[in-house]
């Protein structure tokens, strides 16, 4: 899988698909694999932590993308992996 999709549900039975606001291509340093991520709300901003594969090392890395509202397209400037020199 090369993208992360967003879905919502009011009853955990019926789901609405909000598309893919973030993909592996959003991270210039990533190469493949879009594993299950986690969204965290902090001070009114949503941060999406996503595991993917780092191109330079072929190791798993965590990317972080942030947006002010859920279901919005994520800016195309996500952070590189922690400790990275990219």
Protein backbone atom coordinates (compact mmCIF):
# COMPACT_ATOMS: atom_id res chain seq x y z
CA UNK A 1 0.00 0.00 0.00
CA UNK A 2 1.35 3.43 -0.93
CA UNK A 3 -1.17 5.77 0.70
CA UNK A 4 -2.96 6.44 3.95
CA UNK A 5 -6.74 6.82 3.76
CA UNK A 6 -9.08 8.55 6.20
CA UNK A 7 -12.46 7.19 7.26
CA UNK A 8 -14.99 8.24 9.87
CA UNK A 9 -17.97 6.62 11.56
CA UNK A 10 -20.60 7.85 14.01
CA UNK A 11 -21.68 4.32 14.94
CA UNK A 12 -18.67 2.06 14.15
CA UNK A 13 -20.87 0.22 11.61
CA UNK A 14 -21.36 2.68 8.74
CA UNK A 15 -18.19 4.33 7.45
CA UNK A 16 -17.44 7.34 5.23
CA UNK A 17 -14.26 7.25 3.15
CA UNK A 18 -12.59 10.69 3.01
CA UNK A 19 -9.97 9.69 0.47
CA UNK A 20 -6.21 9.76 0.72
CA UNK A 21 -4.78 13.05 1.98
CA UNK A 22 -1.32 11.54 2.47
CA UNK A 23 0.82 9.07 0.51
CA UNK A 24 4.35 7.70 0.54
CA UNK A 25 5.13 10.23 -2.22
CA UNK A 26 4.37 13.03 0.29
CA UNK A 27 7.70 12.23 1.96
CA UNK A 28 10.70 12.90 -0.29
CA UNK A 29 12.83 10.50 1.77
CA UNK A 30 10.35 7.58 1.76
CA UNK A 31 10.33 4.75 -0.76
CA UNK A 32 7.59 2.19 -0.08
CA UNK A 33 5.01 0.90 2.35
CA UNK A 34 2.28 2.87 4.09
CA UNK A 35 1.64 1.03 7.34
CA UNK A 36 -1.06 1.92 9.88
CA UNK A 37 -0.49 5.38 11.36
CA UNK A 38 -1.85 7.31 14.31
CA UNK A 39 -3.49 10.74 14.45
CA UNK A 40 -3.03 12.86 17.58
CA UNK A 41 -4.87 16.10 18.37
CA UNK A 42 -2.73 18.59 20.29
CA UNK A 43 -3.68 22.21 20.91
CA UNK A 44 -6.18 22.24 18.05
CA UNK A 45 -3.81 20.82 15.46
CA UNK A 46 -3.83 17.24 14.19
CA UNK A 47 -0.53 15.38 13.80
CA UNK A 48 -0.39 12.22 11.73
CA UNK A 49 2.46 9.85 12.64
CA UNK A 50 3.03 7.33 9.86
CA UNK A 51 5.50 4.45 9.53
CA UNK A 52 7.09 3.98 6.12
CA UNK A 53 10.39 2.82 4.64
CA UNK A 54 13.26 5.29 4.38
CA UNK A 55 14.81 5.25 0.90
CA UNK A 56 18.44 5.82 1.96
CA UNK A 57 18.62 3.01 4.53
CA UNK A 58 15.69 0.70 3.70
CA UNK A 59 14.78 0.90 7.39
CA UNK A 60 11.41 1.70 8.88
CA UNK A 61 11.04 5.39 9.77
CA UNK A 62 8.26 7.51 11.25
CA UNK A 63 7.03 10.52 9.27
CA UNK A 64 5.00 13.33 10.83
CA UNK A 65 2.51 15.52 8.98
CA UNK A 66 0.30 18.17 10.55
CA UNK A 67 -2.93 19.92 9.62
CA UNK A 68 -5.40 22.22 11.39
CA UNK A 69 -8.56 20.23 10.59
CA UNK A 70 -9.21 16.52 10.09
CA UNK A 71 -9.94 15.31 6.54
CA UNK A 72 -7.98 18.19 4.99
CA UNK A 73 -5.22 17.54 2.53
CA UNK A 74 -1.93 17.35 4.38
CA UNK A 75 0.71 19.90 3.34
CA UNK A 76 3.43 18.46 1.13
CA UNK A 77 6.20 19.34 3.62
CA UNK A 78 6.13 16.51 6.16
CA UNK A 79 9.13 16.17 8.46
CA UNK A 80 12.01 13.80 7.76
CA UNK A 81 12.74 11.00 10.23
CA UNK A 82 14.10 12.05 13.62
CA UNK A 83 17.87 12.29 13.52
CA UNK A 84 17.80 12.38 9.74
CA UNK A 85 20.00 14.81 7.83
CA UNK A 86 17.64 15.38 4.95
